[in-house]
């Protein structure tokens, strides 16, 4: 397992990169993005919903709450990214998939 400092660095880089991608897509797809206290929030007006992406330092995972589900992503050395073990999706792929499902249209970040 990676140490706390390494996890925080990787998680911050992953969330900052995702935040930039979401900001670029927010107007096109009609959602708001908030990056506050290390957690990312994606808020939708129609249909109303909020997704939350946050680091969980003690277990060295990024947790995503979306579509009434919880997704836990671990660091994958091969992918050089946080990956959801059940689906194999990277963080960005998972977020694209859940936003697409919520909006019922293909979303690309």
Protein backbone atom coordinates (compact mmCIF):
# COMPACT_ATOMS: atom_id res chain seq x y z
CA UNK A 1 0.00 0.00 0.00
CA UNK A 2 1.26 3.50 -0.79
CA UNK A 3 2.03 5.87 2.06
CA UNK A 4 -0.31 8.69 3.04
CA UNK A 5 1.74 11.48 1.44
CA UNK A 6 1.96 9.63 -1.89
CA UNK A 7 -1.78 8.88 -1.82
CA UNK A 8 -2.67 12.51 -1.11
CA UNK A 9 -0.46 13.68 -4.00
CA UNK A 10 -1.95 11.17 -6.47
CA UNK A 11 -5.53 11.79 -5.30
CA UNK A 12 -5.11 15.56 -5.55
CA UNK A 13 -3.66 15.25 -9.07
CA UNK A 14 -6.49 12.91 -10.14
CA UNK A 15 -9.24 15.13 -8.72
CA UNK A 16 -7.67 18.33 -10.11
CA UNK A 17 -7.42 16.77 -13.57
CA UNK A 18 -11.01 15.52 -13.38
CA UNK A 19 -12.14 18.95 -12.17
CA UNK A 20 -10.56 20.61 -15.23
CA UNK A 21 -12.28 18.09 -17.55
CA UNK A 22 -15.64 18.61 -15.83
CA UNK A 23 -15.37 22.41 -15.99
CA UNK A 24 -14.78 22.10 -19.74
CA UNK A 25 -17.91 19.96 -20.17
CA UNK A 26 -20.24 21.59 -17.64
CA UNK A 27 -21.83 24.13 -19.99
CA UNK A 28 -22.23 21.60 -22.82
CA UNK A 29 -24.08 19.11 -20.63
CA UNK A 30 -25.80 21.44 -18.16
CA UNK A 31 -24.28 20.63 -14.78
CA UNK A 32 -22.38 22.57 -12.12
CA UNK A 33 -19.02 21.55 -10.66
CA UNK A 34 -17.67 22.45 -7.23
CA UNK A 35 -14.23 21.59 -5.84
CA UNK A 36 -14.22 22.28 -2.11
CA UNK A 37 -12.16 20.91 0.79
CA UNK A 38 -10.61 18.24 -1.42
CA UNK A 39 -13.94 16.85 -2.67
CA UNK A 40 -15.54 17.30 -6.07
CA UNK A 41 -19.27 17.81 -6.42
CA UNK A 42 -21.27 17.56 -9.65
CA UNK A 43 -24.78 18.96 -9.44
CA UNK A 44 -27.55 18.47 -11.96
CA UNK A 45 -30.76 20.48 -12.23
CA UNK A 46 -32.63 18.24 -14.69
CA UNK A 47 -33.05 15.60 -13.51
CA UNK A 48 -31.93 16.81 -10.06
CA UNK A 49 -29.03 14.95 -8.49
CA UNK A 50 -25.62 15.43 -6.93
CA UNK A 51 -22.55 13.24 -7.36
CA UNK A 52 -19.64 13.45 -4.90
CA UNK A 53 -16.05 12.35 -5.53
CA UNK A 54 -13.73 12.39 -2.53
CA UNK A 55 -10.48 10.87 -1.32
CA UNK A 56 -10.58 8.47 1.62
CA UNK A 57 -7.05 8.67 2.95
CA UNK A 58 -7.15 5.94 5.65
CA UNK A 59 -7.99 3.25 3.06
CA UNK A 60 -6.10 4.95 0.17
CA UNK A 61 -9.14 5.04 -2.12
CA UNK A 62 -11.19 7.59 -4.02
CA UNK A 63 -14.88 7.18 -3.30
CA UNK A 64 -17.60 8.18 -5.73
CA UNK A 65 -21.22 8.55 -4.70
CA UNK A 66 -23.44 8.62 -7.81
CA UNK A 67 -26.72 7.15 -9.03
CA UNK A 68 -27.57 6.02 -5.47
CA UNK A 69 -24.44 3.84 -5.46
CA UNK A 70 -20.98 3.99 -3.96
CA UNK A 71 -17.90 3.24 -6.06
CA UNK A 72 -14.48 2.68 -4.48
CA UNK A 73 -11.40 3.15 -6.64
CA UNK A 74 -7.89 1.93 -5.84
CA UNK A 75 -4.59 3.09 -7.33
CA UNK A 76 -3.57 0.91 -10.27
CA UNK A 77 0.15 1.00 -11.06
CA UNK A 78 -0.35 -0.37 -14.59
CA UNK A 79 -3.05 2.18 -15.50
CA UNK A 80 -1.26 4.92 -13.52
CA UNK A 81 -4.73 5.93 -12.36
CA UNK A 82 -7.40 5.23 -9.78
CA UNK A 83 -9.47 2.28 -11.04
CA UNK A 84 -12.80 0.75 -10.01
CA UNK A 85 -11.95 -2.93 -9.53
CA UNK A 86 -15.41 -4.28 -10.43
CA UNK A 87 -15.79 -2.48 -13.78
CA UNK A 88 -12.14 -1.81 -14.63
CA UNK A 89 -13.03 1.84 -15.29
CA UNK A 90 -10.53 4.57 -14.52
CA UNK A 91 -11.87 7.50 -12.48
CA UNK A 92 -12.52 9.57 -15.61
CA UNK A 93 -14.20 6.65 -17.42
CA UNK A 94 -16.43 5.94 -14.42
CA UNK A 95 -17.49 9.59 -14.16
CA UNK A 96 -18.21 9.74 -17.91
CA UNK A 97 -20.31 6.58 -17.59
CA UNK A 98 -22.38 7.71 -14.58
CA UNK A 99 -22.98 11.20 -16.02
CA UNK A 100 -24.00 9.63 -19.36
CA UNK A 101 -26.39 7.29 -17.60
CA UNK A 102 -27.87 10.13 -15.53
CA UNK A 103 -28.35 12.47 -18.50
CA UNK A 104 -29.34 9.66 -20.90
CA UNK A 105 -26.83 10.88 -23.49
CA UNK A 106 -23.22 10.08 -24.33
CA UNK A 107 -20.89 12.34 -22.35
CA UNK A 108 -17.22 12.79 -23.18
CA UNK A 109 -14.86 14.62 -20.83
